[in-house]
Every structure is written in structure tokens, then in C-alpha cells.
């Protein structure tokens, strides 16, 4: 389990996260919703160690990882798919996937399961990442994160700019990873309908704070949608 407890995060004099708490459990999807600029990506970057928190703690599988760097968190089993995908455009699909093996258990290779989840990647192994479509790049970014054998997968707006057919494939993969693999998943989204289909728990952020949270089935839809339009 991941337990984020009352973290604050600042960029210079600007406090962008205030007392944010979040839990991600094995086998469940936790969706973080909110408009642009409310701190969703900053929260994920703090969990991954890309930003240092000013207060609060982050605990992963009973271990305090608050002061660990990104590489140490990746080796501890936390996978991250950033907004914008950030694949390596001049490396091939195969090479992109292999970059994640540095965080995988020693002796690991690219698992064939990656190609079962995303068959298109098998076809394009020798193609450069920058030559793929946006949807194919997103599949590559998720596949790359999975190559490190994470037990927690963090996804920052995986549907952004993606065609509907690929969105369905990504939803299917997220569902499989949580339900069948028992992986903990944190999904940041702007779109409530997509998140609602997948999420066990939802947290809605407003101006750097969690304004509403709870099991997805218990939250009032009108209240959630109102916060997403504030």
C-alpha cells in the first residue's frame, strides 16, 4: 500500500500542495481528478520523488520513502508514466522498453506480457519512438513502465490526445493490471466518465487540496462534476 500523509509541496514561494493525503491499495485503482493547474501532476511527481515535499510523509509497503530519490523509488516497485509520455524519440521501441530494465530485478528482460497487452509494440520493435502515433507512444510509455516490474503504477492523464480506440485499450490494460495482477494503480484524469469506469476510489483536487474523496460508488456525481468545473 502507498500512503501519502498530509504532504505540502512548494515551487519557490508558491505552495502548490497543502495537506494532501492519498492511499493506493493493491488490486485497486485510485483516480485523482481535477481541472488543469490544481496540483494533480505535482502530487504524482512528489510520490515519484521528482519533487521534494516540504512537509508530510510518503510510505510505500511500510517503508518511509519520503526522502528517497526517483531511481530508488523505481527500484522499490513504483512505476511512473508521465504526462506527455516522454518516450525517447530517437530510440527504437525495443530500446525504449529496455531503458526501464535498470529499475527491474537483476537479470530481467522485456516481458512477453508487454506485447500481449500492447500487440502493436511487437510489430514496431525496430521503429523509432518518435515515428509512432500519439496513441502508440502512450502504449509504449505504459509498456516501458511495466518493464520495471512495478507493484504500483502511476499514470498521469494517459488519455490525453489519444484516439478513442486506444483509450479503450488503455482502460482494458488498467483494469487487467489492478484486477488480475493485483497491482495498485493511481490514475490522474480530467475526465470523470473515464475515471468512474475504472476507479475504486476517487479524490478530487481543487487549488492544491483534496476537496472530496471516497469510494467511487459512494460519491455524489453532481458534487464531483461541480468541483471539476469550479
Protein backbone atom coordinates (compact mmCIF):
# COMPACT_ATOMS: atom_id res chain seq x y z
CA UNK A 1 0.00 0.00 0.00
CA UNK A 2 1.02 3.58 -0.69
CA UNK A 3 0.13 6.09 2.00
CA UNK A 4 0.57 9.79 1.27
CA UNK A 5 0.01 11.66 4.54
CA UNK A 6 -0.57 15.42 4.68
CA UNK A 7 2.12 16.49 2.23
CA UNK A 8 2.92 20.09 1.33
CA UNK A 9 4.84 21.00 -1.80
CA UNK A 10 6.16 24.39 -2.84
CA UNK A 11 7.63 25.85 -6.01
CA UNK A 12 9.62 28.76 -4.66
CA UNK A 13 7.28 30.86 -2.56
CA UNK A 14 4.19 29.28 -4.11
CA UNK A 15 2.56 26.49 -2.09
CA UNK A 16 1.00 24.16 -4.67
CA UNK A 17 0.04 21.21 -2.44
CA UNK A 18 -1.47 21.75 1.00
CA UNK A 19 -2.03 18.86 3.37
CA UNK A 20 -2.73 16.33 0.62
CA UNK A 21 -3.39 12.74 1.68
CA UNK A 22 -3.96 9.77 -0.62
CA UNK A 23 -3.98 5.97 -0.36
CA UNK A 24 -3.39 3.44 -3.14
CA UNK A 25 -4.14 -0.20 -2.37
CA UNK A 26 -3.11 -3.41 -4.18
CA UNK A 27 -5.71 -4.53 -6.68
CA UNK A 28 -7.46 -1.17 -6.75
CA UNK A 29 -7.48 1.93 -8.94
CA UNK A 30 -7.33 5.31 -7.22
CA UNK A 31 -8.34 8.15 -9.53
CA UNK A 32 -7.22 11.73 -8.90
CA UNK A 33 -9.45 14.22 -10.67
CA UNK A 34 -9.35 17.97 -11.10
CA UNK A 35 -9.03 20.80 -13.57
CA UNK A 36 -5.72 21.94 -15.05
CA UNK A 37 -3.39 23.57 -12.57
CA UNK A 38 -4.88 22.19 -9.35
CA UNK A 39 -1.79 20.15 -8.42
CA UNK A 40 -2.53 16.67 -9.80
CA UNK A 41 0.77 16.27 -11.66
CA UNK A 42 2.68 17.85 -8.78
CA UNK A 43 1.21 15.21 -6.47
CA UNK A 44 2.40 12.43 -8.76
CA UNK A 45 5.85 13.97 -9.09
CA UNK A 46 6.05 14.14 -5.29
CA UNK A 47 5.08 10.47 -4.98
CA UNK A 48 7.74 9.56 -7.54
CA UNK A 49 10.40 11.67 -5.81
CA UNK A 50 10.80 14.13 -8.66
CA UNK A 51 9.78 16.94 -6.30
CA UNK A 52 10.75 17.19 -2.63
CA UNK A 53 7.88 17.68 -0.22
CA UNK A 54 8.07 20.39 2.41
CA UNK A 55 6.00 18.55 5.00
CA UNK A 56 4.23 15.22 5.43
CA UNK A 57 5.29 11.65 4.67
CA UNK A 58 5.08 9.14 1.84
CA UNK A 59 5.09 5.48 2.86
CA UNK A 60 5.31 2.58 0.42
CA UNK A 61 4.84 -1.02 1.57
CA UNK A 62 5.53 0.04 5.14
CA UNK A 63 8.73 1.89 4.27
CA UNK A 64 9.14 5.65 4.57
CA UNK A 65 10.30 6.75 1.12
CA UNK A 66 9.78 10.50 1.63
CA UNK A 67 13.47 11.32 1.21
CA UNK A 68 14.34 8.73 -1.44
CA UNK A 69 15.17 9.77 -4.99
CA UNK A 70 13.25 8.71 -8.11
CA UNK A 71 15.62 5.87 -9.03
CA UNK A 72 15.35 4.35 -5.56
CA UNK A 73 11.57 4.56 -5.67
CA UNK A 74 11.52 2.93 -9.10
CA UNK A 75 13.68 0.07 -7.81
CA UNK A 76 11.31 -0.21 -4.83
CA UNK A 77 8.45 -1.03 -7.21
CA UNK A 78 6.88 2.30 -8.17
CA UNK A 79 6.30 2.80 -11.90
CA UNK A 80 5.52 6.17 -13.47
CA UNK A 81 4.03 7.18 -16.82
CA UNK A 82 4.37 10.99 -17.04
CA UNK A 83 2.04 13.38 -18.75
CA UNK A 84 3.18 13.83 -22.33
CA UNK A 85 4.64 10.28 -22.35
CA UNK A 86 8.30 11.40 -22.56
CA UNK A 87 9.45 8.46 -24.62
CA UNK A 88 12.88 8.70 -26.27
CA UNK A 89 12.10 9.73 -29.87
CA UNK A 90 15.39 8.62 -31.42
CA UNK A 91 15.46 5.21 -29.72
CA UNK A 92 13.59 2.25 -31.16
CA UNK A 93 10.59 0.75 -29.40
CA UNK A 94 12.84 -2.10 -28.22
CA UNK A 95 15.43 0.32 -26.87
CA UNK A 96 12.78 2.44 -25.15
CA UNK A 97 11.46 -0.64 -23.36
CA UNK A 98 14.95 -1.71 -22.33
CA UNK A 99 15.69 1.62 -20.65
CA UNK A 100 13.34 0.59 -17.82
CA UNK A 101 15.27 -2.59 -17.05
CA UNK A 102 17.72 -0.62 -14.90
CA UNK A 103 14.95 -0.48 -12.26
CA UNK A 104 13.85 -4.11 -12.72
CA UNK A 105 15.11 -7.06 -10.68
CA UNK A 106 18.56 -8.18 -11.79
CA UNK A 107 18.52 -10.43 -14.82
CA UNK A 108 15.13 -9.25 -16.05
CA UNK A 109 14.35 -8.79 -19.71
CA UNK A 110 11.45 -7.29 -21.59
CA UNK A 111 8.50 -9.48 -20.66
CA UNK A 112 6.41 -11.01 -23.43
CA UNK A 113 3.37 -9.86 -21.44
CA UNK A 114 4.08 -6.31 -22.63
CA UNK A 115 3.33 -7.45 -26.18
CA UNK A 116 0.25 -9.37 -25.06
CA UNK A 117 -1.07 -6.13 -23.54
CA UNK A 118 0.02 -3.94 -26.46
CA UNK A 119 0.40 -6.10 -29.62
CA UNK A 120 1.24 -3.07 -31.75
CA UNK A 121 4.59 -2.74 -29.95
CA UNK A 122 5.70 -6.16 -31.18
CA UNK A 123 5.10 -5.05 -34.77
CA UNK A 124 7.11 -1.84 -34.32
CA UNK A 125 10.07 -3.05 -32.26
CA UNK A 126 12.59 -1.59 -34.71
CA UNK A 127 10.70 1.64 -35.33
CA UNK A 128 11.87 4.82 -33.62
CA UNK A 129 9.65 6.07 -30.83
CA UNK A 130 9.28 9.46 -32.44
CA UNK A 131 7.76 7.87 -35.55
CA UNK A 132 4.84 6.37 -33.63
CA UNK A 133 1.40 7.96 -33.38
CA UNK A 134 0.36 9.58 -30.11
CA UNK A 135 -1.68 6.56 -29.09
CA UNK A 136 1.18 4.18 -29.91
CA UNK A 137 3.59 6.34 -27.93
CA UNK A 138 1.26 6.18 -24.94
CA UNK A 139 1.17 2.40 -25.17
CA UNK A 140 4.96 2.40 -25.36
CA UNK A 141 5.22 4.64 -22.29
CA UNK A 142 2.99 2.31 -20.27
CA UNK A 143 4.82 -0.75 -21.55
CA UNK A 144 8.15 0.82 -20.63
CA UNK A 145 6.96 1.47 -17.07
CA UNK A 146 5.76 -2.14 -16.79
CA UNK A 147 9.19 -3.44 -17.84
CA UNK A 148 10.50 -2.41 -14.41
CA UNK A 149 8.04 -4.88 -12.78
CA UNK A 150 6.27 -2.27 -10.61
CA UNK A 151 3.73 -3.09 -7.91
CA UNK A 152 2.36 0.45 -8.07
CA UNK A 153 1.71 2.10 -11.42
CA UNK A 154 1.20 5.89 -11.61
CA UNK A 155 -0.44 7.22 -14.78
CA UNK A 156 -0.64 10.95 -15.48
CA UNK A 157 -3.52 11.64 -17.91
CA UNK A 158 -2.97 8.61 -20.15
CA UNK A 159 -5.97 9.50 -22.35
CA UNK A 160 -4.78 13.00 -23.24
CA UNK A 161 -4.78 13.49 -27.01
CA UNK A 162 -5.46 9.81 -27.68
CA UNK A 163 -7.93 8.37 -30.18
CA UNK A 164 -10.99 6.57 -28.71
CA UNK A 165 -9.94 3.08 -29.83
CA UNK A 166 -6.62 3.35 -27.96
CA UNK A 167 -8.38 4.81 -24.90
CA UNK A 168 -10.42 1.60 -24.74
CA UNK A 169 -7.23 -0.47 -24.96
CA UNK A 170 -5.63 1.54 -22.15
CA UNK A 171 -8.73 1.13 -19.98
CA UNK A 172 -8.64 -2.62 -20.58
CA UNK A 173 -4.97 -2.79 -19.55
CA UNK A 174 -5.53 -0.72 -16.39
CA UNK A 175 -8.42 -2.97 -15.41
CA UNK A 176 -6.31 -6.08 -16.01
CA UNK A 177 -3.33 -4.81 -14.04
CA UNK A 178 -5.45 -3.98 -11.00
CA UNK A 179 -7.98 -6.81 -11.00
CA UNK A 180 -5.94 -9.69 -12.40
CA UNK A 181 -2.39 -8.73 -11.40
CA UNK A 182 -3.23 -7.15 -8.05
CA UNK A 183 -1.31 -4.00 -8.88
CA UNK A 184 -2.02 -0.71 -7.15
CA UNK A 185 -2.83 2.00 -9.71
CA UNK A 186 -3.02 5.77 -9.37
CA UNK A 187 -4.73 7.38 -12.34
CA UNK A 188 -4.78 11.14 -12.85
CA UNK A 189 -7.58 12.27 -15.15
CA UNK A 190 -9.57 15.32 -16.12
CA UNK A 191 -12.43 13.24 -17.48
CA UNK A 192 -14.78 11.93 -14.84
CA UNK A 193 -16.57 9.41 -17.07
CA UNK A 194 -13.36 7.57 -17.95
CA UNK A 195 -12.16 7.52 -14.34
CA UNK A 196 -15.52 6.44 -12.96
CA UNK A 197 -15.50 3.29 -15.10
CA UNK A 198 -12.17 2.16 -13.66
CA UNK A 199 -11.79 3.67 -10.20
CA UNK A 200 -12.41 2.01 -6.87
CA UNK A 201 -11.62 5.26 -5.07
CA UNK A 202 -11.69 8.87 -6.24
CA UNK A 203 -10.02 12.02 -4.93
CA UNK A 204 -10.99 15.39 -6.41
CA UNK A 205 -8.45 18.19 -6.11
CA UNK A 206 -9.16 21.91 -6.03
CA UNK A 207 -6.39 24.53 -5.66
CA UNK A 208 -3.78 22.17 -4.27
CA UNK A 209 -6.05 20.36 -1.82
CA UNK A 210 -8.21 17.24 -1.84
CA UNK A 211 -11.71 18.70 -1.73
CA UNK A 212 -13.65 15.43 -1.94
CA UNK A 213 -12.65 11.77 -1.69
CA UNK A 214 -14.05 8.33 -1.06
CA UNK A 215 -15.12 5.07 -2.71
CA UNK A 216 -16.23 5.76 -6.27
CA UNK A 217 -19.69 4.29 -5.74
CA UNK A 218 -20.46 6.50 -2.76
CA UNK A 219 -19.56 9.91 -4.17
CA UNK A 220 -22.32 12.18 -5.41
CA UNK A 221 -21.84 12.57 -9.15
CA UNK A 222 -23.24 16.11 -9.20
CA UNK A 223 -20.84 17.17 -6.43
CA UNK A 224 -17.86 15.71 -8.30
CA UNK A 225 -18.82 17.35 -11.59
CA UNK A 226 -19.33 20.68 -9.86
CA UNK A 227 -15.78 20.58 -8.47
CA UNK A 228 -14.44 19.73 -11.89
CA UNK A 229 -15.99 22.89 -13.31
CA UNK A 230 -15.14 25.31 -10.47
